[in-house]
Amino acid sequence: SLLPITLNSVLNPFSKALIGAQWLFLKTGLGGTNHFEAAAFVRSRAGVDYPDIQYHFIPAAVRYDGKAAAKSHGFQAHVGPMRSKSRGSVTLRSPDPKSKPVIRFNYMSHPDDWEEFRHCIRLTREIFGQSAF
């Protein structure tokens, strides 16, 4: 079918209110899910002993900050390596237990992470190149 099957048509304030009410009163409908039902753990290439890439698919296109939907139908895949060699840290900011910790994510700081992420992108392009999309 060529009909859109994304969430775009219900991402307006009125539809969101109806979805919320349906969930609140009937415990049914789109409000009962986070819409990340489709996920995958896959091997990036032959010879990999265990899945090394994780996917989450969502039937909507939203800005990266999550504050707004795209203006048209779309979908997204969130993808990344499962066993990154990069290491971040969480350290104390001060002796005060109420102070927020210092969090250093340190994403992509190891050279191998860039190679793994290139595998993620290649595989994602292959998936999205299928006729179902």
C-alpha atoms as a PDB file:
ATOM      1  CA  SER A   1       0.000   0.000   0.000  1.00  0.00           C
ATOM      2  CA  LEU A   2       1.170   3.521  -0.687  1.00  0.00           C
ATOM      3  CA  LEU A   3      -0.952   5.050   2.065  1.00  0.00           C
ATOM      4  CA  PRO A   4       1.002   6.796   4.818  1.00  0.00           C
ATOM      5  CA  ILE A   5       1.181   4.748   8.003  1.00  0.00           C
ATOM      6  CA  THR A   6       3.026   7.247  10.166  1.00  0.00           C
ATOM      7  CA  LEU A   7       1.898   9.194  13.216  1.00  0.00           C
ATOM      8  CA  ASN A   8       2.087  12.544  11.412  1.00  0.00           C
ATOM      9  CA  SER A   9      -1.677  13.009  11.105  1.00  0.00           C
ATOM     10  CA  VAL A  10      -2.171  12.744  14.885  1.00  0.00           C
ATOM     11  CA  LEU A  11       0.683  14.992  16.020  1.00  0.00           C
ATOM     12  CA  ASN A  12      -1.451  18.119  16.326  1.00  0.00           C
ATOM     13  CA  PRO A  13      -2.747  19.511  19.654  1.00  0.00           C
ATOM     14  CA  PHE A  14      -6.368  18.386  19.154  1.00  0.00           C
ATOM     15  CA  SER A  15      -5.421  14.801  18.258  1.00  0.00           C
ATOM     16  CA  LYS A  16      -2.923  14.675  21.111  1.00  0.00           C
ATOM     17  CA  ALA A  17      -5.691  15.690  23.543  1.00  0.00           C
ATOM     18  CA  LEU A  18      -7.966  12.946  22.177  1.00  0.00           C
ATOM     19  CA  ILE A  19      -5.181  10.383  22.427  1.00  0.00           C
ATOM     20  CA  GLY A  20      -4.519  11.428  26.021  1.00  0.00           C
ATOM     21  CA  ALA A  21      -8.204  11.246  26.952  1.00  0.00           C
ATOM     22  CA  GLN A  22      -8.588   7.838  25.309  1.00  0.00           C
ATOM     23  CA  TRP A  23      -5.671   6.515  27.317  1.00  0.00           C
ATOM     24  CA  LEU A  24      -6.768   8.204  30.547  1.00  0.00           C
ATOM     25  CA  PHE A  25     -10.340   6.931  30.448  1.00  0.00           C
ATOM     26  CA  LEU A  26     -10.217   3.738  28.371  1.00  0.00           C
ATOM     27  CA  LYS A  27      -6.584   2.618  28.695  1.00  0.00           C
ATOM     28  CA  THR A  28      -6.486   2.053  24.921  1.00  0.00           C
ATOM     29  CA  GLY A  29      -5.119   3.707  21.817  1.00  0.00           C
ATOM     30  CA  LEU A  30      -1.921   5.423  20.798  1.00  0.00           C
ATOM     31  CA  GLY A  31      -1.343   6.840  24.283  1.00  0.00           C
ATOM     32  CA  GLY A  32      -0.535   3.365  25.580  1.00  0.00           C
ATOM     33  CA  THR A  33       2.791   3.110  23.779  1.00  0.00           C
ATOM     34  CA  ASN A  34       6.032   4.981  23.327  1.00  0.00           C
ATOM     35  CA  HIS A  35       5.970   3.959  19.622  1.00  0.00           C
ATOM     36  CA  PHE A  36       9.367   2.273  19.719  1.00  0.00           C
ATOM     37  CA  GLU A  37       7.850  -1.191  19.244  1.00  0.00           C
ATOM     38  CA  ALA A  38      10.174  -2.105  16.396  1.00  0.00           C
ATOM     39  CA  ALA A  39      13.727  -2.759  17.490  1.00  0.00           C
ATOM     40  CA  ALA A  40      16.578  -4.894  16.257  1.00  0.00           C
ATOM     41  CA  PHE A  41      19.878  -6.250  17.459  1.00  0.00           C
ATOM     42  CA  VAL A  42      21.965  -7.126  14.405  1.00  0.00           C
ATOM     43  CA  ARG A  43      25.455  -8.079  13.331  1.00  0.00           C
ATOM     44  CA  SER A  44      27.119  -5.365  11.283  1.00  0.00           C
ATOM     45  CA  ARG A  45      29.041  -7.766   9.062  1.00  0.00           C
ATOM     46  CA  ALA A  46      30.024 -11.392   8.563  1.00  0.00           C
ATOM     47  CA  GLY A  47      32.346 -12.780  11.199  1.00  0.00           C
ATOM     48  CA  VAL A  48      30.908 -10.802  14.103  1.00  0.00           C
ATOM     49  CA  ASP A  49      30.080 -13.295  16.868  1.00  0.00           C
ATOM     50  CA  TYR A  50      27.328 -11.276  18.521  1.00  0.00           C
ATOM     51  CA  PRO A  51      24.942  -8.465  17.577  1.00  0.00           C
ATOM     52  CA  ASP A  52      26.909  -5.243  17.659  1.00  0.00           C
ATOM     53  CA  ILE A  53      24.317  -2.757  16.376  1.00  0.00           C
ATOM     54  CA  GLN A  54      21.077  -1.738  18.068  1.00  0.00           C
ATOM     55  CA  TYR A  55      18.098  -0.178  16.269  1.00  0.00           C
ATOM     56  CA  HIS A  56      14.907   1.509  17.393  1.00  0.00           C
ATOM     57  CA  PHE A  57      12.389   2.434  14.707  1.00  0.00           C
ATOM     58  CA  ILE A  58       9.588   4.959  15.159  1.00  0.00           C
ATOM     59  CA  PRO A  59       6.724   5.695  12.722  1.00  0.00           C
ATOM     60  CA  ALA A  60       7.140   9.472  12.911  1.00  0.00           C
ATOM     61  CA  ALA A  61       9.698  12.081  11.991  1.00  0.00           C
ATOM     62  CA  VAL A  62      10.535  14.466  14.817  1.00  0.00           C
ATOM     63  CA  ARG A  63      13.268  16.998  15.395  1.00  0.00           C
ATOM     64  CA  TYR A  64      16.262  15.647  17.224  1.00  0.00           C
ATOM     65  CA  ASP A  65      15.339  17.604  20.353  1.00  0.00           C
ATOM     66  CA  GLY A  66      11.894  15.954  20.287  1.00  0.00           C
ATOM     67  CA  LYS A  67      10.042  19.258  20.576  1.00  0.00           C
ATOM     68  CA  ALA A  68       8.300  19.220  17.209  1.00  0.00           C
ATOM     69  CA  ALA A  69       7.183  16.819  14.530  1.00  0.00           C
ATOM     70  CA  ALA A  70       8.204  17.094  10.922  1.00  0.00           C
ATOM     71  CA  LYS A  71       5.673  18.771   8.653  1.00  0.00           C
ATOM     72  CA  SER A  72       5.144  15.633   6.548  1.00  0.00           C
ATOM     73  CA  HIS A  73       4.967  11.872   6.928  1.00  0.00           C
ATOM     74  CA  GLY A  74       8.207  10.178   7.819  1.00  0.00           C
ATOM     75  CA  PHE A  75       9.907   7.660  10.047  1.00  0.00           C
ATOM     76  CA  GLN A  76      13.114   7.469  12.019  1.00  0.00           C
ATOM     77  CA  ALA A  77      15.678   4.905  12.985  1.00  0.00           C
ATOM     78  CA  HIS A  78      17.816   5.417  16.032  1.00  0.00           C
ATOM     79  CA  VAL A  79      20.945   3.345  15.556  1.00  0.00           C
ATOM     80  CA  GLY A  80      24.275   2.900  17.241  1.00  0.00           C
ATOM     81  CA  PRO A  81      26.968   0.463  18.240  1.00  0.00           C
ATOM     82  CA  MET A  82      26.206  -1.640  21.304  1.00  0.00           C
ATOM     83  CA  ARG A  83      29.714  -2.027  22.679  1.00  0.00           C
ATOM     84  CA  SER A  84      31.402   1.306  22.223  1.00  0.00           C
ATOM     85  CA  LYS A  85      35.018   1.529  23.321  1.00  0.00           C
ATOM     86  CA  SER A  86      34.600   5.171  24.302  1.00  0.00           C
ATOM     87  CA  ARG A  87      34.300   5.732  28.008  1.00  0.00           C
ATOM     88  CA  GLY A  88      32.735   8.646  29.770  1.00  0.00           C
ATOM     89  CA  SER A  89      32.724   9.461  33.437  1.00  0.00           C
ATOM     90  CA  VAL A  90      30.534  10.575  36.306  1.00  0.00           C
ATOM     91  CA  THR A  91      32.407  12.403  39.044  1.00  0.00           C
ATOM     92  CA  LEU A  92      31.529  14.447  42.074  1.00  0.00           C
ATOM     93  CA  ARG A  93      31.369  18.187  41.568  1.00  0.00           C
ATOM     94  CA  SER A  94      31.964  18.968  45.233  1.00  0.00           C
ATOM     95  CA  PRO A  95      31.741  17.402  48.693  1.00  0.00           C
ATOM     96  CA  ASP A  96      28.131  18.639  48.890  1.00  0.00           C
ATOM     97  CA  PRO A  97      25.909  15.557  48.287  1.00  0.00           C
ATOM     98  CA  LYS A  98      23.153  17.805  46.902  1.00  0.00           C
ATOM     99  CA  SER A  99      25.302  19.220  44.103  1.00  0.00           C
ATOM    100  CA  LYS A 100      24.839  17.760  40.646  1.00  0.00           C
ATOM    101  CA  PRO A 101      27.574  15.404  39.439  1.00  0.00           C
ATOM    102  CA  VAL A 102      29.858  16.195  36.521  1.00  0.00           C
ATOM    103  CA  ILE A 103      28.824  13.972  33.619  1.00  0.00           C
ATOM    104  CA  ARG A 104      31.191  13.604  30.680  1.00  0.00           C
ATOM    105  CA  PHE A 105      29.613  11.465  27.953  1.00  0.00           C
ATOM    106  CA  ASN A 106      32.743  11.349  25.778  1.00  0.00           C
ATOM    107  CA  TYR A 107      30.911   9.856  22.793  1.00  0.00           C
ATOM    108  CA  MET A 108      32.988   8.809  19.774  1.00  0.00           C
ATOM    109  CA  SER A 109      36.320   9.426  21.517  1.00  0.00           C
ATOM    110  CA  HIS A 110      37.791   6.051  20.477  1.00  0.00           C
ATOM    111  CA  PRO A 111      38.775   5.618  16.796  1.00  0.00           C
ATOM    112  CA  ASP A 112      37.066   2.199  16.591  1.00  0.00           C
ATOM    113  CA  ASP A 113      33.725   3.848  17.403  1.00  0.00           C
ATOM    114  CA  TRP A 114      33.878   5.809  14.154  1.00  0.00           C
ATOM    115  CA  GLU A 115      34.427   2.618  12.154  1.00  0.00           C
ATOM    116  CA  GLU A 116      31.541   0.901  13.959  1.00  0.00           C
ATOM    117  CA  PHE A 117      29.270   3.854  13.335  1.00  0.00           C
ATOM    118  CA  ARG A 118      30.118   3.779   9.626  1.00  0.00           C
ATOM    119  CA  HIS A 119      28.895   0.156   9.634  1.00  0.00           C
ATOM    120  CA  CYS A 120      25.682   1.362  11.310  1.00  0.00           C
ATOM    121  CA  ILE A 121      25.098   3.975   8.611  1.00  0.00           C
ATOM    122  CA  ARG A 122      25.805   1.555   5.754  1.00  0.00           C
ATOM    123  CA  LEU A 123      23.387  -1.023   7.131  1.00  0.00           C
ATOM    124  CA  THR A 124      20.717   1.602   7.776  1.00  0.00           C
ATOM    125  CA  ARG A 125      20.973   2.804   4.189  1.00  0.00           C
ATOM    126  CA  GLU A 126      20.594  -0.793   3.014  1.00  0.00           C
ATOM    127  CA  ILE A 127      17.494  -1.276   5.190  1.00  0.00           C
ATOM    128  CA  PHE A 128      15.880   1.976   4.029  1.00  0.00           C
ATOM    129  CA  GLY A 129      16.679   1.066   0.433  1.00  0.00           C
ATOM    130  CA  GLN A 130      14.250  -1.858   0.590  1.00  0.00           C
ATOM    131  CA  SER A 131      10.986  -1.600  -1.327  1.00  0.00           C
ATOM    132  CA  ALA A 132       8.915  -1.656   1.890  1.00  0.00           C
ATOM    133  CA  PHE A 133      10.211   1.816   2.664  1.00  0.00           C
END
